[in-house]
């Protein structure tokens, strides 16, 4: 994988992550928007401008590919390069999760969430 691709895509934005995650199955932009709403319980709503700008950039970079057109909608899928990028990001997220789970969170609702570093 080119360093340029790693530098651009890892770490990923939530939008980029969800688009690649969804495109493990061929989909068009509107399907992705709906699927992301489902996956995030409505917390993340990808606007059309963000969606189509991201799809264009990802296609140019070779991490997704156009499959076919259905009813004037372009269907895309993740490429092998895209799978590699997605896997890097998933590993990064898992590492973050393990770090948080290993350290624990100090629960003080009034003060918010504070991470505490473990003592060696």
N, C-alpha and C. Protein backbone atom coordinates (compact mmCIF):
# COMPACT_ATOMS: atom_id res chain seq x y z
N UNK A 1 0.85 -1.18 0.00
CA UNK A 1 0.00 0.00 0.00
C UNK A 1 0.90 1.24 0.00
N UNK A 2 0.54 2.19 -0.82
CA UNK A 2 1.31 3.44 -0.91
C UNK A 2 1.20 4.23 0.39
N UNK A 3 2.29 4.89 0.74
CA UNK A 3 2.28 5.75 1.94
C UNK A 3 1.26 6.87 1.79
N UNK A 4 1.10 7.37 0.56
CA UNK A 4 0.12 8.44 0.31
C UNK A 4 -1.28 8.00 0.75
N UNK A 5 -1.67 6.78 0.39
CA UNK A 5 -3.00 6.28 0.74
C UNK A 5 -3.13 6.15 2.25
N UNK A 6 -2.10 5.58 2.90
CA UNK A 6 -2.12 5.46 4.36
C UNK A 6 -2.27 6.83 5.01
N UNK A 7 -1.48 7.78 4.52
CA UNK A 7 -1.47 9.12 5.10
C UNK A 7 -2.84 9.81 4.96
N UNK A 8 -3.49 9.59 3.81
CA UNK A 8 -4.77 10.24 3.55
C UNK A 8 -5.92 9.57 4.31
N UNK A 9 -5.87 8.25 4.44
CA UNK A 9 -7.03 7.52 4.95
C UNK A 9 -6.91 6.98 6.38
N UNK A 10 -5.73 6.96 6.96
CA UNK A 10 -5.60 6.43 8.32
C UNK A 10 -4.92 7.47 9.19
N UNK A 11 -5.55 7.98 10.25
CA UNK A 11 -6.89 7.61 10.70
C UNK A 11 -7.96 8.17 9.77
N UNK A 12 -9.09 7.48 9.76
CA UNK A 12 -10.21 7.83 8.90
C UNK A 12 -11.23 8.70 9.62
N UNK A 13 -11.94 9.47 8.84
CA UNK A 13 -13.10 10.15 9.40
C UNK A 13 -14.18 9.11 9.61
N UNK A 14 -15.14 9.40 10.45
CA UNK A 14 -16.26 8.47 10.64
C UNK A 14 -16.99 8.25 9.32
N UNK A 15 -17.15 9.31 8.56
CA UNK A 15 -17.82 9.20 7.26
C UNK A 15 -17.08 8.23 6.36
N UNK A 16 -15.78 8.40 6.22
CA UNK A 16 -14.99 7.52 5.38
C UNK A 16 -15.06 6.07 5.86
N UNK A 17 -14.98 5.90 7.17
CA UNK A 17 -15.05 4.55 7.74
C UNK A 17 -16.38 3.89 7.38
N UNK A 18 -17.47 4.57 7.62
CA UNK A 18 -18.78 3.97 7.37
C UNK A 18 -19.03 3.72 5.88
N UNK A 19 -18.54 4.60 5.02
CA UNK A 19 -18.70 4.37 3.59
C UNK A 19 -17.96 3.09 3.19
N UNK A 20 -16.70 2.97 3.60
CA UNK A 20 -15.94 1.76 3.25
C UNK A 20 -16.56 0.52 3.89
N UNK A 21 -16.97 0.65 5.12
CA UNK A 21 -17.58 -0.48 5.82
C UNK A 21 -18.83 -0.97 5.07
N UNK A 22 -19.66 -0.03 4.66
CA UNK A 22 -20.89 -0.38 3.93
C UNK A 22 -20.59 -0.99 2.56
N UNK A 23 -19.54 -0.52 1.92
CA UNK A 23 -19.25 -0.97 0.57
C UNK A 23 -18.59 -2.35 0.51
N UNK A 24 -18.60 -3.06 1.62
CA UNK A 24 -18.20 -4.46 1.57
C UNK A 24 -19.24 -5.23 0.77
N UNK A 25 -20.42 -4.61 0.61
CA UNK A 25 -21.47 -5.10 -0.29
C UNK A 25 -21.69 -3.99 -1.31
N UNK A 26 -21.91 -4.32 -2.59
CA UNK A 26 -22.17 -3.27 -3.57
C UNK A 26 -23.39 -2.43 -3.19
N UNK A 27 -23.24 -1.12 -3.24
CA UNK A 27 -24.32 -0.19 -2.86
C UNK A 27 -24.17 1.12 -3.62
N UNK A 28 -25.27 1.88 -3.63
CA UNK A 28 -25.20 3.25 -4.13
C UNK A 28 -25.28 4.20 -2.95
N UNK A 29 -25.02 5.47 -3.22
CA UNK A 29 -24.92 6.48 -2.16
C UNK A 29 -26.11 6.54 -1.22
N UNK A 30 -27.31 6.51 -1.76
CA UNK A 30 -28.49 6.61 -0.90
C UNK A 30 -28.58 5.40 0.03
N UNK A 31 -28.26 4.20 -0.49
CA UNK A 31 -28.25 3.01 0.37
C UNK A 31 -27.26 3.18 1.52
N UNK A 32 -26.09 3.74 1.21
CA UNK A 32 -25.07 3.94 2.24
C UNK A 32 -25.60 4.88 3.31
N UNK A 33 -26.20 5.99 2.90
CA UNK A 33 -26.76 6.95 3.86
C UNK A 33 -27.75 6.25 4.79
N UNK A 34 -28.64 5.46 4.23
CA UNK A 34 -29.65 4.76 5.03
C UNK A 34 -29.01 3.73 5.96
N UNK A 35 -28.03 3.00 5.45
CA UNK A 35 -27.37 1.97 6.26
C UNK A 35 -26.61 2.60 7.42
N UNK A 36 -25.95 3.73 7.18
CA UNK A 36 -25.21 4.42 8.24
C UNK A 36 -26.17 4.91 9.32
N UNK A 37 -27.31 5.42 8.91
CA UNK A 37 -28.31 5.82 9.89
C UNK A 37 -28.71 4.64 10.77
N UNK A 38 -28.91 3.47 10.15
CA UNK A 38 -29.25 2.25 10.92
C UNK A 38 -28.13 1.86 11.86
N UNK A 39 -26.90 1.79 11.33
CA UNK A 39 -25.76 1.35 12.13
C UNK A 39 -25.48 2.25 13.32
N UNK A 40 -25.78 3.54 13.18
CA UNK A 40 -25.45 4.51 14.23
C UNK A 40 -26.68 4.99 15.01
N UNK A 41 -27.79 4.28 14.85
CA UNK A 41 -29.04 4.68 15.52
C UNK A 41 -29.38 6.14 15.25
N UNK A 42 -29.13 6.57 14.02
CA UNK A 42 -29.49 7.92 13.60
C UNK A 42 -28.51 9.01 14.03
N UNK A 43 -27.41 8.64 14.67
CA UNK A 43 -26.46 9.64 15.16
C UNK A 43 -25.60 10.25 14.05
N UNK A 44 -25.36 9.49 12.99
CA UNK A 44 -24.54 10.00 11.89
C UNK A 44 -25.38 10.03 10.63
N UNK A 45 -25.53 11.23 10.10
CA UNK A 45 -26.29 11.44 8.86
C UNK A 45 -25.32 12.04 7.85
N UNK A 46 -25.05 11.31 6.79
CA UNK A 46 -24.12 11.79 5.77
C UNK A 46 -24.90 12.59 4.73
N UNK A 47 -24.48 13.85 4.55
CA UNK A 47 -25.17 14.71 3.58
C UNK A 47 -24.81 14.27 2.16
N UNK A 48 -25.67 14.58 1.19
CA UNK A 48 -25.39 14.20 -0.19
C UNK A 48 -24.05 14.76 -0.69
N UNK A 49 -23.74 15.99 -0.36
CA UNK A 49 -22.48 16.59 -0.81
C UNK A 49 -21.27 15.84 -0.27
N UNK A 50 -21.32 15.50 1.02
CA UNK A 50 -20.24 14.75 1.64
C UNK A 50 -20.16 13.36 1.03
N UNK A 51 -21.30 12.72 0.84
CA UNK A 51 -21.33 11.36 0.30
C UNK A 51 -20.71 11.31 -1.08
N UNK A 52 -21.20 12.15 -1.98
CA UNK A 52 -20.74 12.06 -3.36
C UNK A 52 -19.32 12.58 -3.54
N UNK A 53 -18.93 13.54 -2.72
CA UNK A 53 -17.53 13.99 -2.73
C UNK A 53 -16.60 12.88 -2.26
N UNK A 54 -17.01 12.18 -1.20
CA UNK A 54 -16.21 11.07 -0.67
C UNK A 54 -16.13 9.92 -1.67
N UNK A 55 -17.26 9.57 -2.28
CA UNK A 55 -17.25 8.48 -3.26
C UNK A 55 -16.33 8.81 -4.43
N UNK A 56 -16.38 10.04 -4.92
CA UNK A 56 -15.52 10.45 -6.04
C UNK A 56 -14.05 10.34 -5.67
N UNK A 57 -13.70 10.85 -4.50
CA UNK A 57 -12.29 10.80 -4.06
C UNK A 57 -11.83 9.37 -3.86
N UNK A 58 -12.67 8.56 -3.20
CA UNK A 58 -12.30 7.16 -2.96
C UNK A 58 -12.14 6.39 -4.27
N UNK A 59 -12.99 6.69 -5.24
CA UNK A 59 -12.88 6.02 -6.53
C UNK A 59 -11.58 6.44 -7.24
N UNK A 60 -11.26 7.74 -7.21
CA UNK A 60 -10.01 8.22 -7.81
C UNK A 60 -8.80 7.57 -7.16
N UNK A 61 -8.86 7.37 -5.85
CA UNK A 61 -7.74 6.78 -5.10
C UNK A 61 -7.69 5.26 -5.19
N UNK A 62 -8.71 4.67 -5.81
CA UNK A 62 -8.70 3.23 -6.04
C UNK A 62 -9.11 2.38 -4.85
N UNK A 63 -9.75 3.00 -3.85
CA UNK A 63 -10.18 2.18 -2.71
C UNK A 63 -11.63 1.69 -2.84
N UNK A 64 -12.35 2.28 -3.79
CA UNK A 64 -13.66 1.75 -4.19
C UNK A 64 -13.70 1.74 -5.71
N UNK A 65 -14.63 0.97 -6.26
CA UNK A 65 -14.75 0.89 -7.72
C UNK A 65 -16.22 0.92 -8.12
N UNK A 66 -16.48 1.55 -9.25
CA UNK A 66 -17.81 1.57 -9.84
C UNK A 66 -18.11 0.15 -10.33
N UNK A 67 -19.33 -0.34 -10.03
CA UNK A 67 -19.72 -1.69 -10.45
C UNK A 67 -20.68 -1.62 -11.62
N UNK A 68 -21.75 -0.86 -11.46
CA UNK A 68 -22.76 -0.75 -12.51
C UNK A 68 -23.69 0.41 -12.15
N UNK A 69 -24.61 0.72 -13.06
CA UNK A 69 -25.62 1.74 -12.80
C UNK A 69 -26.98 1.08 -12.79
N UNK A 70 -27.78 1.43 -11.79
CA UNK A 70 -29.16 0.94 -11.68
C UNK A 70 -30.07 2.14 -11.47
N UNK A 71 -31.02 2.31 -12.36
CA UNK A 71 -31.98 3.41 -12.24
C UNK A 71 -31.29 4.74 -11.98
N UNK A 72 -30.26 5.03 -12.78
CA UNK A 72 -29.49 6.28 -12.70
C UNK A 72 -28.69 6.42 -11.41
N UNK A 73 -28.51 5.34 -10.67
CA UNK A 73 -27.71 5.36 -9.45
C UNK A 73 -26.46 4.51 -9.66
N UNK A 74 -25.31 5.07 -9.31
CA UNK A 74 -24.06 4.35 -9.45
C UNK A 74 -23.86 3.42 -8.25
N UNK A 75 -23.56 2.18 -8.54
CA UNK A 75 -23.29 1.18 -7.51
C UNK A 75 -21.77 1.03 -7.39
N UNK A 76 -21.27 1.08 -6.16
CA UNK A 76 -19.84 0.96 -5.89
C UNK A 76 -19.59 -0.24 -4.99
N UNK A 77 -18.33 -0.67 -4.95
CA UNK A 77 -17.91 -1.71 -4.01
C UNK A 77 -16.48 -1.40 -3.58
N UNK A 78 -16.09 -1.94 -2.46
CA UNK A 78 -14.74 -1.76 -1.95
C UNK A 78 -13.77 -2.58 -2.82
N UNK A 79 -12.57 -2.08 -3.03
CA UNK A 79 -11.53 -2.82 -3.76
C UNK A 79 -10.62 -3.52 -2.76
N UNK A 80 -9.68 -4.29 -3.27
CA UNK A 80 -8.71 -4.95 -2.38
C UNK A 80 -7.91 -3.90 -1.60
N UNK A 81 -7.50 -2.82 -2.26
CA UNK A 81 -6.80 -1.74 -1.57
C UNK A 81 -7.69 -1.15 -0.49
N UNK A 82 -8.96 -0.96 -0.80
CA UNK A 82 -9.91 -0.44 0.18
C UNK A 82 -10.05 -1.37 1.38
N UNK A 83 -10.04 -2.67 1.14
CA UNK A 83 -10.11 -3.65 2.24
C UNK A 83 -8.89 -3.52 3.14
N UNK A 84 -7.73 -3.31 2.54
CA UNK A 84 -6.51 -3.15 3.33
C UNK A 84 -6.60 -1.89 4.19
N UNK A 85 -7.09 -0.81 3.61
CA UNK A 85 -7.24 0.45 4.35
C UNK A 85 -8.26 0.26 5.48
N UNK A 86 -9.38 -0.38 5.18
CA UNK A 86 -10.41 -0.62 6.20
C UNK A 86 -9.85 -1.48 7.32
N UNK A 87 -9.09 -2.49 6.99
CA UNK A 87 -8.50 -3.36 8.02
C UNK A 87 -7.53 -2.59 8.90
N UNK A 88 -6.72 -1.71 8.32
CA UNK A 88 -5.82 -0.87 9.12
C UNK A 88 -6.62 -0.02 10.10
N UNK A 89 -7.70 0.55 9.61
CA UNK A 89 -8.52 1.41 10.47
C UNK A 89 -9.21 0.60 11.57
N UNK A 90 -9.69 -0.58 11.24
CA UNK A 90 -10.33 -1.43 12.25
C UNK A 90 -9.30 -1.81 13.32
N UNK A 91 -8.09 -2.14 12.91
CA UNK A 91 -7.04 -2.46 13.90
C UNK A 91 -6.76 -1.26 14.80
N UNK A 92 -6.72 -0.06 14.21
CA UNK A 92 -6.48 1.15 14.99
C UNK A 92 -7.60 1.37 16.00
N UNK A 93 -8.84 1.19 15.56
CA UNK A 93 -9.99 1.36 16.46
C UNK A 93 -9.97 0.33 17.57
N UNK A 94 -9.63 -0.91 17.24
CA UNK A 94 -9.54 -1.96 18.27
C UNK A 94 -8.46 -1.62 19.30
N UNK A 95 -7.33 -1.10 18.82
CA UNK A 95 -6.26 -0.71 19.74
C UNK A 95 -6.75 0.39 20.69
N UNK A 96 -7.46 1.38 20.13
CA UNK A 96 -8.01 2.44 20.97
C UNK A 96 -8.96 1.87 22.01
N UNK A 97 -9.82 0.96 21.58
CA UNK A 97 -10.79 0.34 22.48
C UNK A 97 -10.07 -0.43 23.58
N UNK A 98 -9.06 -1.23 23.22
CA UNK A 98 -8.32 -1.99 24.23
C UNK A 98 -7.66 -1.05 25.22
N UNK A 99 -7.14 0.06 24.74
CA UNK A 99 -6.50 1.03 25.62
C UNK A 99 -7.49 1.57 26.63
N UNK A 100 -8.65 1.96 26.15
CA UNK A 100 -9.67 2.53 27.04
C UNK A 100 -10.16 1.47 28.02
N UNK A 101 -10.40 0.27 27.54
CA UNK A 101 -10.88 -0.81 28.41
C UNK A 101 -9.83 -1.19 29.44
N UNK A 102 -8.56 -1.16 29.06
CA UNK A 102 -7.48 -1.52 29.97
C UNK A 102 -7.26 -0.49 31.05
N UNK A 103 -7.42 0.76 30.69
CA UNK A 103 -7.20 1.85 31.64
C UNK A 103 -8.44 2.08 32.49
N UNK A 104 -9.58 2.00 31.87
CA UNK A 104 -10.83 2.27 32.58
C UNK A 104 -11.18 3.74 32.52
N UNK A 105 -12.41 4.02 32.76
CA UNK A 105 -12.88 5.40 32.75
C UNK A 105 -13.26 5.81 34.16
N UNK A 106 -12.90 7.00 34.52
CA UNK A 106 -13.30 7.55 35.80
C UNK A 106 -14.71 8.08 35.60
N UNK A 107 -15.64 7.57 36.38
CA UNK A 107 -17.04 7.97 36.19
C UNK A 107 -17.42 9.10 37.13
N UNK A 108 -17.41 10.29 36.62
CA UNK A 108 -17.85 11.47 37.35
C UNK A 108 -18.70 12.28 36.41
N UNK A 109 -20.02 12.03 36.38
CA UNK A 109 -20.89 12.70 35.41
C UNK A 109 -20.75 14.21 35.39
N UNK A 110 -20.59 14.83 36.54
CA UNK A 110 -20.51 16.28 36.56
C UNK A 110 -19.21 16.77 35.92
N UNK A 111 -18.15 16.00 36.05
CA UNK A 111 -16.86 16.41 35.52
C UNK A 111 -16.64 15.93 34.09
N UNK A 112 -17.52 15.07 33.58
CA UNK A 112 -17.33 14.52 32.24
C UNK A 112 -16.47 13.27 32.31
N UNK A 113 -15.99 12.86 31.17
CA UNK A 113 -15.17 11.65 31.10
C UNK A 113 -13.71 12.05 31.10
N UNK A 114 -12.95 11.41 31.97
CA UNK A 114 -11.53 11.68 32.05
C UNK A 114 -10.77 10.36 31.95
N UNK A 115 -9.80 10.29 31.07
CA UNK A 115 -8.98 9.10 30.96
C UNK A 115 -7.86 9.17 31.98
N UNK A 116 -7.60 8.07 32.63
CA UNK A 116 -6.49 8.00 33.56
C UNK A 116 -5.45 7.05 33.01
N UNK A 117 -4.21 7.45 33.00
CA UNK A 117 -3.13 6.58 32.51
C UNK A 117 -2.69 5.67 33.63
N UNK A 118 -2.49 4.40 33.27
CA UNK A 118 -2.03 3.43 34.26
C UNK A 118 -0.60 3.72 34.65
N UNK A 119 -0.28 3.50 35.91
CA UNK A 119 1.07 3.68 36.40
C UNK A 119 1.90 2.46 36.05
N UNK A 120 3.15 2.64 35.61
CA UNK A 120 3.98 1.48 35.26
C UNK A 120 4.36 0.67 36.48
